Amino acid sequence: MMNKILIVSALREEVEAISDVKITLTGVGKVNAAITLQAELLTRWLQSKNNLPNVVINYGTAGKASDRVEVGKMYEIGSFLQRDMMVTELGVEKYQTPFEGASLIKNKRGSLVCGTGDNFWSPDGTSDFDVVDMEAYALALVCKRMNIPFRCFKFISDSGNIKQWEENVNKGAVIFESKMKELYGTEWSI
């Protein structure tokens, strides 16, 4: 069976080193990520092919938020939370969206937790998540609601330092491309 893979990434800078592969660019932030992925699934996949991908794969850079990860390495992420959803005054747990149940979206792969937020994160001593980004939670939520398997690979580009991100942003694409060839062979590039 041929893999039908949809690859999404926030920024062109993150995937410039990858050639001959269609990658959907979402833009930065949870809203952009959710809207772009939903539109891609509903228009390109459902309308033109009348089916959905077997898997949505997110690749991008992330900041280091725990000692479980190292700058310069890529990791598969297993769980996702909204690090900027804080409405505990309503009686819900930290990171939980009111009236939506559990705050953590769990994937079947990886033990690392990604804290997604629409703000830049700087180290604050929290141990609630291992990496930080601005899109993965929204992408995981769209896939969960549409019952599509979701995988997420994050290259740790920095420790909350924009200059470090600028220096490292394009280094992970080569590692990601190699991992996709290992996992999916030539079928990953459709």
C-alpha atoms as a PDB file:
ATOM      1  CA  MET A   1       0.000   0.000   0.000  1.00  0.00           C
ATOM      2  CA  MET A   2       1.365   3.375  -0.977  1.00  0.00           C
ATOM      3  CA  ASN A   3       1.814   5.856   1.851  1.00  0.00           C
ATOM      4  CA  LYS A   4      -0.162   9.049   1.429  1.00  0.00           C
ATOM      5  CA  ILE A   5       1.847  11.504   3.480  1.00  0.00           C
ATOM      6  CA  LEU A   6       1.130  15.157   4.124  1.00  0.00           C
ATOM      7  CA  ILE A   7       4.134  17.068   5.466  1.00  0.00           C
ATOM      8  CA  VAL A   8       3.600  20.407   7.165  1.00  0.00           C
ATOM      9  CA  SER A   9       6.074  22.940   8.455  1.00  0.00           C
ATOM     10  CA  ALA A  10       5.675  26.502   9.663  1.00  0.00           C
ATOM     11  CA  LEU A  11       8.408  28.308   7.753  1.00  0.00           C
ATOM     12  CA  ARG A  12      10.258  27.971   4.467  1.00  0.00           C
ATOM     13  CA  GLU A  13      13.543  28.554   6.341  1.00  0.00           C
ATOM     14  CA  GLU A  14      12.983  25.297   8.238  1.00  0.00           C
ATOM     15  CA  VAL A  15      12.742  23.170   5.075  1.00  0.00           C
ATOM     16  CA  GLU A  16      14.832  24.973   2.434  1.00  0.00           C
ATOM     17  CA  ALA A  17      17.365  22.142   2.316  1.00  0.00           C
ATOM     18  CA  ILE A  18      14.706  19.600   1.313  1.00  0.00           C
ATOM     19  CA  SER A  19      14.068  19.299  -2.413  1.00  0.00           C
ATOM     20  CA  ASP A  20      11.567  17.421  -4.563  1.00  0.00           C
ATOM     21  CA  VAL A  21       9.050  17.104  -1.728  1.00  0.00           C
ATOM     22  CA  LYS A  22       5.748  18.942  -1.417  1.00  0.00           C
ATOM     23  CA  ILE A  23       5.622  20.583   1.987  1.00  0.00           C
ATOM     24  CA  THR A  24       2.660  22.625   3.139  1.00  0.00           C
ATOM     25  CA  LEU A  25       3.782  25.789   4.899  1.00  0.00           C
ATOM     26  CA  THR A  26       1.413  26.844   7.657  1.00  0.00           C
ATOM     27  CA  GLY A  27       2.936  30.081   8.878  1.00  0.00           C
ATOM     28  CA  VAL A  28       3.670  30.803  12.522  1.00  0.00           C
ATOM     29  CA  GLY A  29       1.220  30.215  15.367  1.00  0.00           C
ATOM     30  CA  LYS A  30      -1.625  27.923  16.364  1.00  0.00           C
ATOM     31  CA  VAL A  31      -4.323  29.728  14.382  1.00  0.00           C
ATOM     32  CA  ASN A  32      -2.324  29.738  11.138  1.00  0.00           C
ATOM     33  CA  ALA A  33      -1.347  26.098  11.630  1.00  0.00           C
ATOM     34  CA  ALA A  34      -4.897  24.874  12.298  1.00  0.00           C
ATOM     35  CA  ILE A  35      -6.505  26.862   9.473  1.00  0.00           C
ATOM     36  CA  THR A  36      -3.860  25.891   6.917  1.00  0.00           C
ATOM     37  CA  LEU A  37      -3.912  22.181   7.783  1.00  0.00           C
ATOM     38  CA  GLN A  38      -7.712  22.040   7.823  1.00  0.00           C
ATOM     39  CA  ALA A  39      -7.911  23.821   4.460  1.00  0.00           C
ATOM     40  CA  GLU A  40      -5.255  21.543   2.967  1.00  0.00           C
ATOM     41  CA  LEU A  41      -7.080  18.421   4.132  1.00  0.00           C
ATOM     42  CA  LEU A  42     -10.488  19.610   2.972  1.00  0.00           C
ATOM     43  CA  THR A  43      -9.473  21.097  -0.365  1.00  0.00           C
ATOM     44  CA  ARG A  44      -6.416  19.368  -1.779  1.00  0.00           C
ATOM     45  CA  TRP A  45      -7.002  15.966  -0.212  1.00  0.00           C
ATOM     46  CA  LEU A  46     -10.745  15.478   0.031  1.00  0.00           C
ATOM     47  CA  GLN A  47     -11.905  17.449  -3.019  1.00  0.00           C
ATOM     48  CA  SER A  48      -9.219  16.428  -5.481  1.00  0.00           C
ATOM     49  CA  LYS A  49      -8.564  12.852  -4.386  1.00  0.00           C
ATOM     50  CA  ASN A  50     -11.652  12.073  -2.318  1.00  0.00           C
ATOM     51  CA  ASN A  51      -9.529  10.656   0.498  1.00  0.00           C
ATOM     52  CA  LEU A  52      -7.234  11.711   3.321  1.00  0.00           C
ATOM     53  CA  PRO A  53      -3.541  11.101   3.947  1.00  0.00           C
ATOM     54  CA  ASN A  54      -2.450   8.030   5.890  1.00  0.00           C
ATOM     55  CA  VAL A  55      -0.395  10.324   8.124  1.00  0.00           C
ATOM     56  CA  VAL A  56       0.283  14.001   8.682  1.00  0.00           C
ATOM     57  CA  ILE A  57       3.894  14.708   9.590  1.00  0.00           C
ATOM     58  CA  ASN A  58       4.989  17.951  11.158  1.00  0.00           C
ATOM     59  CA  TYR A  59       8.622  18.934  10.968  1.00  0.00           C
ATOM     60  CA  GLY A  60      10.010  22.106  12.437  1.00  0.00           C
ATOM     61  CA  THR A  61      12.343  23.743  14.843  1.00  0.00           C
ATOM     62  CA  ALA A  62      11.718  23.929  18.562  1.00  0.00           C
ATOM     63  CA  GLY A  63      13.298  25.412  21.620  1.00  0.00           C
ATOM     64  CA  LYS A  64      14.859  23.363  24.391  1.00  0.00           C
ATOM     65  CA  ALA A  65      12.770  23.414  27.557  1.00  0.00           C
ATOM     66  CA  SER A  66      14.202  20.470  29.523  1.00  0.00           C
ATOM     67  CA  ASP A  67      17.390  18.493  30.000  1.00  0.00           C
ATOM     68  CA  ARG A  68      15.841  15.562  28.114  1.00  0.00           C
ATOM     69  CA  VAL A  69      16.752  17.221  24.782  1.00  0.00           C
ATOM     70  CA  GLU A  70      19.873  18.775  23.288  1.00  0.00           C
ATOM     71  CA  VAL A  71      20.284  21.685  20.907  1.00  0.00           C
ATOM     72  CA  GLY A  72      21.354  20.341  17.505  1.00  0.00           C
ATOM     73  CA  LYS A  73      19.410  17.064  17.672  1.00  0.00           C
ATOM     74  CA  MET A  74      16.028  15.976  16.275  1.00  0.00           C
ATOM     75  CA  TYR A  75      13.369  14.175  18.319  1.00  0.00           C
ATOM     76  CA  GLU A  76       9.980  12.612  17.693  1.00  0.00           C
ATOM     77  CA  ILE A  77       7.414  14.217  19.980  1.00  0.00           C
ATOM     78  CA  GLY A  78       4.850  12.108  21.811  1.00  0.00           C
ATOM     79  CA  SER A  79       2.472  14.577  23.489  1.00  0.00           C
ATOM     80  CA  PHE A  80       1.279  18.124  22.989  1.00  0.00           C
ATOM     81  CA  LEU A  81      -0.171  20.815  25.234  1.00  0.00           C
ATOM     82  CA  GLN A  82      -1.056  24.489  24.956  1.00  0.00           C
ATOM     83  CA  ARG A  83       1.488  26.155  27.208  1.00  0.00           C
ATOM     84  CA  ASP A  84      -0.281  29.513  26.928  1.00  0.00           C
ATOM     85  CA  MET A  85      -3.782  28.253  27.833  1.00  0.00           C
ATOM     86  CA  MET A  86      -4.102  29.395  31.429  1.00  0.00           C
ATOM     87  CA  VAL A  87      -7.652  29.678  32.734  1.00  0.00           C
ATOM     88  CA  THR A  88      -7.317  27.962  36.098  1.00  0.00           C
ATOM     89  CA  GLU A  89      -9.645  30.638  37.512  1.00  0.00           C
ATOM     90  CA  LEU A  90     -12.462  28.736  35.782  1.00  0.00           C
ATOM     91  CA  GLY A  91     -11.605  25.599  37.719  1.00  0.00           C
ATOM     92  CA  VAL A  92      -9.822  23.775  34.907  1.00  0.00           C
ATOM     93  CA  GLU A  93      -6.332  22.382  35.084  1.00  0.00           C
ATOM     94  CA  LYS A  94      -3.313  24.249  33.783  1.00  0.00           C
ATOM     95  CA  TYR A  95      -3.045  24.156  29.933  1.00  0.00           C
ATOM     96  CA  GLN A  96      -6.611  22.807  29.510  1.00  0.00           C
ATOM     97  CA  THR A  97      -9.074  24.455  27.148  1.00  0.00           C
ATOM     98  CA  PRO A  98     -12.348  24.992  29.045  1.00  0.00           C
ATOM     99  CA  PHE A  99     -15.040  22.390  28.316  1.00  0.00           C
ATOM    100  CA  GLU A 100     -12.689  20.206  26.240  1.00  0.00           C
ATOM    101  CA  GLY A 101     -11.440  17.603  28.691  1.00  0.00           C
ATOM    102  CA  ALA A 102      -7.804  16.563  28.963  1.00  0.00           C
ATOM    103  CA  SER A 103      -5.143  19.180  28.328  1.00  0.00           C
ATOM    104  CA  LEU A 104      -2.643  16.785  26.771  1.00  0.00           C
ATOM    105  CA  ILE A 105      -2.923  15.288  23.290  1.00  0.00           C
ATOM    106  CA  LYS A 106      -0.998  12.026  23.338  1.00  0.00           C
ATOM    107  CA  ASN A 107       0.596  10.498  20.303  1.00  0.00           C
ATOM    108  CA  LYS A 108       1.586   6.838  20.093  1.00  0.00           C
ATOM    109  CA  ARG A 109       5.248   7.622  19.506  1.00  0.00           C
ATOM    110  CA  GLY A 110       7.825   9.288  21.669  1.00  0.00           C
ATOM    111  CA  SER A 111       7.832  10.277  25.323  1.00  0.00           C
ATOM    112  CA  LEU A 112       8.671  13.962  24.918  1.00  0.00           C
ATOM    113  CA  VAL A 113       6.095  16.697  25.514  1.00  0.00           C
ATOM    114  CA  CYS A 114       5.856  19.778  23.304  1.00  0.00           C
ATOM    115  CA  GLY A 115       4.476  22.961  24.847  1.00  0.00           C
ATOM    116  CA  THR A 116       2.878  24.985  22.043  1.00  0.00           C
ATOM    117  CA  GLY A 117       2.131  28.658  22.471  1.00  0.00           C
ATOM    118  CA  ASP A 118       1.533  31.834  20.531  1.00  0.00           C
ATOM    119  CA  ASN A 119       4.327  33.633  22.294  1.00  0.00           C
ATOM    120  CA  PHE A 120       8.075  33.330  22.521  1.00  0.00           C
ATOM    121  CA  TRP A 121       9.111  31.212  25.452  1.00  0.00           C
ATOM    122  CA  SER A 122      12.113  31.831  27.627  1.00  0.00           C
ATOM    123  CA  PRO A 123      13.463  29.376  30.167  1.00  0.00           C
ATOM    124  CA  ASP A 124      11.472  29.645  33.382  1.00  0.00           C
ATOM    125  CA  GLY A 125      12.281  26.454  35.283  1.00  0.00           C
ATOM    126  CA  THR A 126       9.039  24.619  34.388  1.00  0.00           C
ATOM    127  CA  SER A 127       9.233  20.861  33.956  1.00  0.00           C
ATOM    128  CA  ASP A 128       5.848  20.466  32.275  1.00  0.00           C
ATOM    129  CA  PHE A 129       7.259  20.098  28.748  1.00  0.00           C
ATOM    130  CA  ASP A 130      10.519  19.230  26.986  1.00  0.00           C
ATOM    131  CA  VAL A 131      10.380  21.379  23.858  1.00  0.00           C
ATOM    132  CA  VAL A 132       8.522  24.541  22.858  1.00  0.00           C
ATOM    133  CA  ASP A 133       7.059  25.568  19.523  1.00  0.00           C
ATOM    134  CA  MET A 134       4.182  27.590  18.122  1.00  0.00           C
ATOM    135  CA  GLU A 135       2.207  25.103  15.962  1.00  0.00           C
ATOM    136  CA  ALA A 136       2.346  21.401  16.938  1.00  0.00           C
ATOM    137  CA  TYR A 137      -0.577  21.333  19.400  1.00  0.00           C
ATOM    138  CA  ALA A 138      -2.919  22.860  16.804  1.00  0.00           C
ATOM    139  CA  LEU A 139      -1.789  20.404  14.126  1.00  0.00           C
ATOM    140  CA  ALA A 140      -2.190  17.451  16.506  1.00  0.00           C
ATOM    141  CA  LEU A 141      -5.690  18.645  17.447  1.00  0.00           C
ATOM    142  CA  VAL A 142      -6.824  18.906  13.804  1.00  0.00           C
ATOM    143  CA  CYS A 143      -5.521  15.395  13.147  1.00  0.00           C
ATOM    144  CA  LYS A 144      -7.162  14.029  16.302  1.00  0.00           C
ATOM    145  CA  ARG A 145     -10.523  15.511  15.335  1.00  0.00           C
ATOM    146  CA  MET A 146     -10.238  14.183  11.777  1.00  0.00           C
ATOM    147  CA  ASN A 147      -8.959  10.780  12.957  1.00  0.00           C
ATOM    148  CA  ILE A 148      -5.701  11.024  10.984  1.00  0.00           C
ATOM    149  CA  PRO A 149      -2.457   9.677  12.463  1.00  0.00           C
ATOM    150  CA  PHE A 150      -0.039  12.474  13.367  1.00  0.00           C
ATOM    151  CA  ARG A 151       3.727  12.362  13.749  1.00  0.00           C
ATOM    152  CA  CYS A 152       5.893  15.260  14.829  1.00  0.00           C
ATOM    153  CA  PHE A 153       9.638  15.691  14.515  1.00  0.00           C
ATOM    154  CA  LYS A 154      11.327  18.692  16.089  1.00  0.00           C
ATOM    155  CA  PHE A 155      14.900  19.836  15.575  1.00  0.00           C
ATOM    156  CA  ILE A 156      16.064  21.592  18.731  1.00  0.00           C
ATOM    157  CA  SER A 157      17.456  24.810  17.334  1.00  0.00           C
ATOM    158  CA  ASP A 158      17.872  26.918  20.451  1.00  0.00           C
ATOM    159  CA  SER A 159      17.355  27.424  24.159  1.00  0.00           C
ATOM    160  CA  GLY A 160      15.002  30.379  23.886  1.00  0.00           C
ATOM    161  CA  ASN A 161      17.488  32.594  22.033  1.00  0.00           C
ATOM    162  CA  ILE A 162      16.426  34.073  18.676  1.00  0.00           C
ATOM    163  CA  LYS A 163      20.037  34.507  17.496  1.00  0.00           C
ATOM    164  CA  GLN A 164      20.721  30.822  18.205  1.00  0.00           C
ATOM    165  CA  TRP A 165      17.553  29.931  16.232  1.00  0.00           C
ATOM    166  CA  GLU A 166      18.729  32.064  13.280  1.00  0.00           C
ATOM    167  CA  GLU A 167      22.070  30.222  13.277  1.00  0.00           C
ATOM    168  CA  ASN A 168      20.482  26.755  13.447  1.00  0.00           C
ATOM    169  CA  VAL A 169      17.085  27.027  11.711  1.00  0.00           C
ATOM    170  CA  ASN A 170      18.081  25.243   8.499  1.00  0.00           C
ATOM    171  CA  LYS A 171      20.349  22.546   9.984  1.00  0.00           C
ATOM    172  CA  GLY A 172      17.633  20.052  10.938  1.00  0.00           C
ATOM    173  CA  ALA A 173      16.107  19.621   7.471  1.00  0.00           C
ATOM    174  CA  VAL A 174      18.875  17.248   6.355  1.00  0.00           C
ATOM    175  CA  ILE A 175      18.362  15.103   9.471  1.00  0.00           C
ATOM    176  CA  PHE A 176      14.591  15.118   8.905  1.00  0.00           C
ATOM    177  CA  GLU A 177      14.943  14.121   5.240  1.00  0.00           C
ATOM    178  CA  SER A 178      17.202  11.218   6.201  1.00  0.00           C
ATOM    179  CA  LYS A 179      14.707  10.073   8.860  1.00  0.00           C
ATOM    180  CA  MET A 180      11.808  10.162   6.373  1.00  0.00           C
ATOM    181  CA  LYS A 181      13.773   8.066   3.867  1.00  0.00           C
ATOM    182  CA  GLU A 182      14.556   5.601   6.672  1.00  0.00           C
ATOM    183  CA  LEU A 183      10.884   5.380   7.724  1.00  0.00           C
ATOM    184  CA  TYR A 184       9.100   5.631   4.380  1.00  0.00           C
ATOM    185  CA  GLY A 185      11.684   5.006   1.662  1.00  0.00           C
ATOM    186  CA  THR A 186      10.931   6.765  -1.603  1.00  0.00           C
ATOM    187  CA  GLU A 187       7.216   7.002  -0.802  1.00  0.00           C
ATOM    188  CA  TRP A 188       7.748   9.848   1.642  1.00  0.00           C
ATOM    189  CA  SER A 189       8.141  12.379  -1.136  1.00  0.00           C
ATOM    190  CA  ILE A 190       4.663  12.146  -2.691  1.00  0.00           C
END
